């Protein structure tokens, strides 16, 4: 039961993070690049996103 509770809490963290990421990062990226895919920007943002998400998950699991 504790496992399910932790899984539920982590899923809420991931959903909220993705929502905030979409609003704060992807929207300005789309406006700046004009809907043209830019591979360097995508790779950099993807790396930053996974780094922040992994740190957020780590801090929530160590509480």
PDB file of N, CA and C in Angstrom:
ATOM      1  N   UNK A   1       0.810  -1.187   0.000  1.00  0.00           N
ATOM      2  CA  UNK A   1       0.000   0.000   0.000  1.00  0.00           C
ATOM      3  C   UNK A   1       0.860   1.259   0.000  1.00  0.00           C
ATOM      4  N   UNK A   2       1.971   1.230   0.721  1.00  0.00           N
ATOM      5  CA  UNK A   2       2.867   2.382   0.760  1.00  0.00           C
ATOM      6  C   UNK A   2       3.462   2.619  -0.621  1.00  0.00           C
ATOM      7  N   UNK A   3       3.761   1.538  -1.341  1.00  0.00           N
ATOM      8  CA  UNK A   3       4.302   1.657  -2.690  1.00  0.00           C
ATOM      9  C   UNK A   3       3.326   2.395  -3.604  1.00  0.00           C
ATOM     10  N   UNK A   4       2.060   2.063  -3.518  1.00  0.00           N
ATOM     11  CA  UNK A   4       1.058   2.729  -4.343  1.00  0.00           C
ATOM     12  C   UNK A   4       0.923   4.207  -3.990  1.00  0.00           C
ATOM     13  N   UNK A   5       1.055   4.512  -2.718  1.00  0.00           N
ATOM     14  CA  UNK A   5       0.992   5.906  -2.290  1.00  0.00           C
ATOM     15  C   UNK A   5       2.168   6.703  -2.856  1.00  0.00           C
ATOM     16  N   UNK A   6       3.369   6.123  -2.805  1.00  0.00           N
ATOM     17  CA  UNK A   6       4.537   6.792  -3.376  1.00  0.00           C
ATOM     18  C   UNK A   6       4.410   6.925  -4.891  1.00  0.00           C
ATOM     19  N   UNK A   7       3.899   5.912  -5.527  1.00  0.00           N
ATOM     20  CA  UNK A   7       3.698   5.953  -6.973  1.00  0.00           C
ATOM     21  C   UNK A   7       2.695   7.040  -7.361  1.00  0.00           C
ATOM     22  N   UNK A   8       1.635   7.159  -6.607  1.00  0.00           N
ATOM     23  CA  UNK A   8       0.632   8.199  -6.848  1.00  0.00           C
ATOM     24  C   UNK A   8       1.233   9.589  -6.660  1.00  0.00           C
ATOM     25  N   UNK A   9       1.999   9.781  -5.589  1.00  0.00           N
ATOM     26  CA  UNK A   9       2.620  11.086  -5.332  1.00  0.00           C
ATOM     27  C   UNK A   9       3.610  11.464  -6.428  1.00  0.00           C
ATOM     28  N   UNK A  10       4.396  10.488  -6.890  1.00  0.00           N
ATOM     29  CA  UNK A  10       5.354  10.765  -7.954  1.00  0.00           C
ATOM     30  C   UNK A  10       4.657  11.078  -9.266  1.00  0.00           C
ATOM     31  N   UNK A  11       3.553  10.411  -9.533  1.00  0.00           N
ATOM     32  CA  UNK A  11       2.836  10.689 -10.775  1.00  0.00           C
ATOM     33  C   UNK A  11       2.252  12.103 -10.756  1.00  0.00           C
ATOM     34  N   UNK A  12       1.807  12.567  -9.596  1.00  0.00           N
ATOM     35  CA  UNK A  12       1.304  13.938  -9.478  1.00  0.00           C
ATOM     36  C   UNK A  12       2.444  14.925  -9.710  1.00  0.00           C
ATOM     37  N   UNK A  13       3.613  14.652  -9.164  1.00  0.00           N
ATOM     38  CA  UNK A  13       4.770  15.524  -9.356  1.00  0.00           C
ATOM     39  C   UNK A  13       5.141  15.601 -10.836  1.00  0.00           C
ATOM     40  N   UNK A  14       5.143  14.464 -11.512  1.00  0.00           N
ATOM     41  CA  UNK A  14       5.510  14.426 -12.931  1.00  0.00           C
ATOM     42  C   UNK A  14       4.491  15.177 -13.782  1.00  0.00           C
ATOM     43  N   UNK A  15       3.218  15.018 -13.499  1.00  0.00           N
ATOM     44  CA  UNK A  15       2.183  15.707 -14.270  1.00  0.00           C
ATOM     45  C   UNK A  15       2.282  17.219 -14.079  1.00  0.00           C
ATOM     46  N   UNK A  16       2.455  17.668 -12.859  1.00  0.00           N
ATOM     47  CA  UNK A  16       2.562  19.106 -12.598  1.00  0.00           C
ATOM     48  C   UNK A  16       3.829  19.672 -13.237  1.00  0.00           C
ATOM     49  N   UNK A  17       4.930  18.929 -13.156  1.00  0.00           N
ATOM     50  CA  UNK A  17       6.169  19.388 -13.777  1.00  0.00           C
ATOM     51  C   UNK A  17       6.001  19.526 -15.288  1.00  0.00           C
ATOM     52  N   UNK A  18       5.379  18.547 -15.933  1.00  0.00           N
ATOM     53  CA  UNK A  18       5.182  18.616 -17.378  1.00  0.00           C
ATOM     54  C   UNK A  18       4.259  19.765 -17.773  1.00  0.00           C
ATOM     55  N   UNK A  19       3.269  20.048 -16.962  1.00  0.00           N
ATOM     56  CA  UNK A  19       2.381  21.173 -17.230  1.00  0.00           C
ATOM     57  C   UNK A  19       3.133  22.502 -17.141  1.00  0.00           C
ATOM     58  N   UNK A  20       3.896  22.674 -16.085  1.00  0.00           N
ATOM     59  CA  UNK A  20       4.679  23.897 -15.914  1.00  0.00           C
ATOM     60  C   UNK A  20       5.743  24.001 -17.009  1.00  0.00           C
ATOM     61  N   UNK A  21       6.381  22.881 -17.351  1.00  0.00           N
ATOM     62  CA  UNK A  21       7.386  22.875 -18.405  1.00  0.00           C
ATOM     63  C   UNK A  21       6.771  23.302 -19.737  1.00  0.00           C
ATOM     64  N   UNK A  22       5.600  22.808 -20.031  1.00  0.00           N
ATOM     65  CA  UNK A  22       4.946  23.151 -21.275  1.00  0.00           C
ATOM     66  C   UNK A  22       4.592  24.622 -21.366  1.00  0.00           C
ATOM     67  N   UNK A  23       4.180  25.190 -20.258  1.00  0.00           N
ATOM     68  CA  UNK A  23       3.794  26.599 -20.261  1.00  0.00           C
ATOM     69  C   UNK A  23       5.021  27.509 -20.277  1.00  0.00           C
ATOM     70  N   UNK A  24       5.997  27.227 -19.442  1.00  0.00           N
ATOM     71  CA  UNK A  24       7.135  28.134 -19.293  1.00  0.00           C
ATOM     72  C   UNK A  24       8.233  27.953 -20.331  1.00  0.00           C
ATOM     73  N   UNK A  25       8.349  26.779 -20.932  1.00  0.00           N
ATOM     74  CA  UNK A  25       9.470  26.536 -21.837  1.00  0.00           C
ATOM     75  C   UNK A  25       9.026  26.305 -23.262  1.00  0.00           C
ATOM     76  N   UNK A  26       8.079  25.422 -23.474  1.00  0.00           N
ATOM     77  CA  UNK A  26       7.705  25.062 -24.834  1.00  0.00           C
ATOM     78  C   UNK A  26       6.969  26.183 -25.555  1.00  0.00           C
ATOM     79  N   UNK A  27       6.133  26.915 -24.873  1.00  0.00           N
ATOM     80  CA  UNK A  27       5.413  28.011 -25.510  1.00  0.00           C
ATOM     81  C   UNK A  27       6.359  29.104 -26.017  1.00  0.00           C
ATOM     82  N   UNK A  28       7.315  29.587 -25.201  1.00  0.00           N
ATOM     83  CA  UNK A  28       8.273  30.555 -25.749  1.00  0.00           C
ATOM     84  C   UNK A  28       9.152  29.962 -26.856  1.00  0.00           C
ATOM     85  N   UNK A  29       9.488  28.677 -26.745  1.00  0.00           N
ATOM     86  CA  UNK A  29      10.292  28.039 -27.789  1.00  0.00           C
ATOM     87  C   UNK A  29       9.540  28.037 -29.119  1.00  0.00           C
ATOM     88  N   UNK A  30       8.271  27.729 -29.079  1.00  0.00           N
ATOM     89  CA  UNK A  30       7.466  27.729 -30.305  1.00  0.00           C
ATOM     90  C   UNK A  30       7.370  29.139 -30.877  1.00  0.00           C
ATOM     91  N   UNK A  31       7.210  30.124 -30.022  1.00  0.00           N
ATOM     92  CA  UNK A  31       7.122  31.499 -30.497  1.00  0.00           C
ATOM     93  C   UNK A  31       8.449  31.991 -31.085  1.00  0.00           C
ATOM     94  N   UNK A  32       9.574  31.563 -30.504  1.00  0.00           N
ATOM     95  CA  UNK A  32      10.878  32.011 -30.991  1.00  0.00           C
ATOM     96  C   UNK A  32      11.293  31.316 -32.283  1.00  0.00           C
ATOM     97  N   UNK A  33      11.024  30.019 -32.391  1.00  0.00           N
ATOM     98  CA  UNK A  33      11.467  29.281 -33.575  1.00  0.00           C
ATOM     99  C   UNK A  33      10.436  29.307 -34.680  1.00  0.00           C
ATOM    100  N   UNK A  34       9.242  29.762 -34.428  1.00  0.00           N
ATOM    101  CA  UNK A  34       8.217  29.850 -35.458  1.00  0.00           C
ATOM    102  C   UNK A  34       7.748  28.505 -35.966  1.00  0.00           C
ATOM    103  N   UNK A  35       7.581  27.545 -35.087  1.00  0.00           N
ATOM    104  CA  UNK A  35       7.126  26.187 -35.396  1.00  0.00           C
ATOM    105  C   UNK A  35       8.087  25.412 -36.292  1.00  0.00           C
ATOM    106  N   UNK A  36       9.313  25.902 -36.457  1.00  0.00           N
ATOM    107  CA  UNK A  36      10.339  25.157 -37.193  1.00  0.00           C
ATOM    108  C   UNK A  36      11.148  24.363 -36.175  1.00  0.00           C
ATOM    109  N   UNK A  37      11.297  23.065 -36.383  1.00  0.00           N
ATOM    110  CA  UNK A  37      12.065  22.276 -35.407  1.00  0.00           C
ATOM    111  C   UNK A  37      13.543  22.665 -35.420  1.00  0.00           C
ATOM    112  N   UNK A  38      14.070  22.886 -34.267  1.00  0.00           N
ATOM    113  CA  UNK A  38      15.481  23.221 -34.112  1.00  0.00           C
ATOM    114  C   UNK A  38      16.119  22.145 -33.253  1.00  0.00           C
ATOM    115  N   UNK A  39      16.937  21.294 -33.873  1.00  0.00           N
ATOM    116  CA  UNK A  39      17.508  20.159 -33.146  1.00  0.00           C
ATOM    117  C   UNK A  39      18.405  20.558 -31.977  1.00  0.00           C
ATOM    118  N   UNK A  40      19.295  21.531 -32.127  1.00  0.00           N
ATOM    119  CA  UNK A  40      20.120  21.884 -30.952  1.00  0.00           C
ATOM    120  C   UNK A  40      19.293  22.373 -29.773  1.00  0.00           C
ATOM    121  N   UNK A  41      18.299  23.198 -30.040  1.00  0.00           N
ATOM    122  CA  UNK A  41      17.454  23.696 -28.949  1.00  0.00           C
ATOM    123  C   UNK A  41      16.679  22.544 -28.319  1.00  0.00           C
ATOM    124  N   UNK A  42      16.164  21.634 -29.144  1.00  0.00           N
ATOM    125  CA  UNK A  42      15.414  20.490 -28.613  1.00  0.00           C
ATOM    126  C   UNK A  42      16.290  19.600 -27.737  1.00  0.00           C
ATOM    127  N   UNK A  43      17.531  19.342 -28.163  1.00  0.00           N
ATOM    128  CA  UNK A  43      18.430  18.500 -27.366  1.00  0.00           C
ATOM    129  C   UNK A  43      18.788  19.160 -26.044  1.00  0.00           C
ATOM    130  N   UNK A  44      19.050  20.441 -26.077  1.00  0.00           N
ATOM    131  CA  UNK A  44      19.406  21.152 -24.851  1.00  0.00           C
ATOM    132  C   UNK A  44      18.222  21.188 -23.884  1.00  0.00           C
ATOM    133  N   UNK A  45      17.044  21.519 -24.396  1.00  0.00           N
ATOM    134  CA  UNK A  45      15.862  21.575 -23.531  1.00  0.00           C
ATOM    135  C   UNK A  45      15.487  20.197 -22.985  1.00  0.00           C
ATOM    136  N   UNK A  46      15.655  19.173 -23.806  1.00  0.00           N
ATOM    137  CA  UNK A  46      15.352  17.811 -23.343  1.00  0.00           C
ATOM    138  C   UNK A  46      16.305  17.401 -22.217  1.00  0.00           C
ATOM    139  N   UNK A  47      17.574  17.732 -22.362  1.00  0.00           N
ATOM    140  CA  UNK A  47      18.540  17.429 -21.309  1.00  0.00           C
ATOM    141  C   UNK A  47      18.245  18.169 -20.022  1.00  0.00           C
ATOM    142  N   UNK A  48      17.909  19.439 -20.140  1.00  0.00           N
ATOM    143  CA  UNK A  48      17.574  20.237 -18.951  1.00  0.00           C
ATOM    144  C   UNK A  48      16.308  19.702 -18.292  1.00  0.00           C
ATOM    145  N   UNK A  49      15.322  19.324 -19.118  1.00  0.00           N
ATOM    146  CA  UNK A  49      14.062  18.808 -18.581  1.00  0.00           C
ATOM    147  C   UNK A  49      14.290  17.528 -17.777  1.00  0.00           C
ATOM    148  N   UNK A  50      15.041  16.584 -18.333  1.00  0.00           N
ATOM    149  CA  UNK A  50      15.271  15.325 -17.630  1.00  0.00           C
ATOM    150  C   UNK A  50      16.151  15.513 -16.401  1.00  0.00           C
ATOM    151  N   UNK A  51      17.087  16.452 -16.460  1.00  0.00           N
ATOM    152  CA  UNK A  51      17.910  16.741 -15.279  1.00  0.00           C
ATOM    153  C   UNK A  51      17.050  17.296 -14.147  1.00  0.00           C
ATOM    154  N   UNK A  52      16.201  18.278 -14.462  1.00  0.00           N
ATOM    155  CA  UNK A  52      15.330  18.860 -13.439  1.00  0.00           C
ATOM    156  C   UNK A  52      14.322  17.846 -12.908  1.00  0.00           C
ATOM    157  N   UNK A  53      13.761  17.035 -13.811  1.00  0.00           N
ATOM    158  CA  UNK A  53      12.781  16.043 -13.387  1.00  0.00           C
ATOM    159  C   UNK A  53      13.420  14.978 -12.506  1.00  0.00           C
ATOM    160  N   UNK A  54      14.622  14.542 -12.839  1.00  0.00           N
ATOM    161  CA  UNK A  54      15.284  13.538 -12.008  1.00  0.00           C
ATOM    162  C   UNK A  54      15.627  14.106 -10.634  1.00  0.00           C
ATOM    163  N   UNK A  55      16.056  15.368 -10.578  1.00  0.00           N
ATOM    164  CA  UNK A  55      16.326  15.985  -9.277  1.00  0.00           C
ATOM    165  C   UNK A  55      15.060  16.147  -8.452  1.00  0.00           C
ATOM    166  N   UNK A  56      13.965  16.502  -9.105  1.00  0.00           N
ATOM    167  CA  UNK A  56      12.693  16.661  -8.406  1.00  0.00           C
ATOM    168  C   UNK A  56      12.204  15.325  -7.846  1.00  0.00           C
ATOM    169  N   UNK A  57      12.324  14.281  -8.633  1.00  0.00           N
ATOM    170  CA  UNK A  57      11.911  12.953  -8.165  1.00  0.00           C
ATOM    171  C   UNK A  57      12.809  12.487  -7.027  1.00  0.00           C
ATOM    172  N   UNK A  58      14.101  12.741  -7.151  1.00  0.00           N
ATOM    173  CA  UNK A  58      15.038  12.335  -6.088  1.00  0.00           C
ATOM    174  C   UNK A  58      14.718  13.031  -4.770  1.00  0.00           C
ATOM    175  N   UNK A  59      14.436  14.332  -4.830  1.00  0.00           N
ATOM    176  CA  UNK A  59      14.147  15.037  -3.584  1.00  0.00           C
ATOM    177  C   UNK A  59      12.825  14.602  -2.971  1.00  0.00           C
ATOM    178  N   UNK A  60      11.861  14.225  -3.808  1.00  0.00           N
ATOM    179  CA  UNK A  60      10.583  13.760  -3.264  1.00  0.00           C
ATOM    180  C   UNK A  60      10.679  12.359  -2.694  1.00  0.00           C
ATOM    181  N   UNK A  61      11.551  11.529  -3.219  1.00  0.00           N
ATOM    182  CA  UNK A  61      11.656  10.160  -2.700  1.00  0.00           C
ATOM    183  C   UNK A  61      12.525  10.088  -1.448  1.00  0.00           C
ATOM    184  N   UNK A  62      13.371  11.079  -1.214  1.00  0.00           N
ATOM    185  CA  UNK A  62      14.215  11.038  -0.024  1.00  0.00           C
ATOM    186  C   UNK A  62      13.563  11.694   1.185  1.00  0.00           C
ATOM    187  N   UNK A  63      12.365  12.219   1.041  1.00  0.00           N
ATOM    188  CA  UNK A  63      11.669  12.839   2.184  1.00  0.00           C
ATOM    189  C   UNK A  63      11.186  11.783   3.140  1.00  0.00           C
TER     190      UNK A  63
END
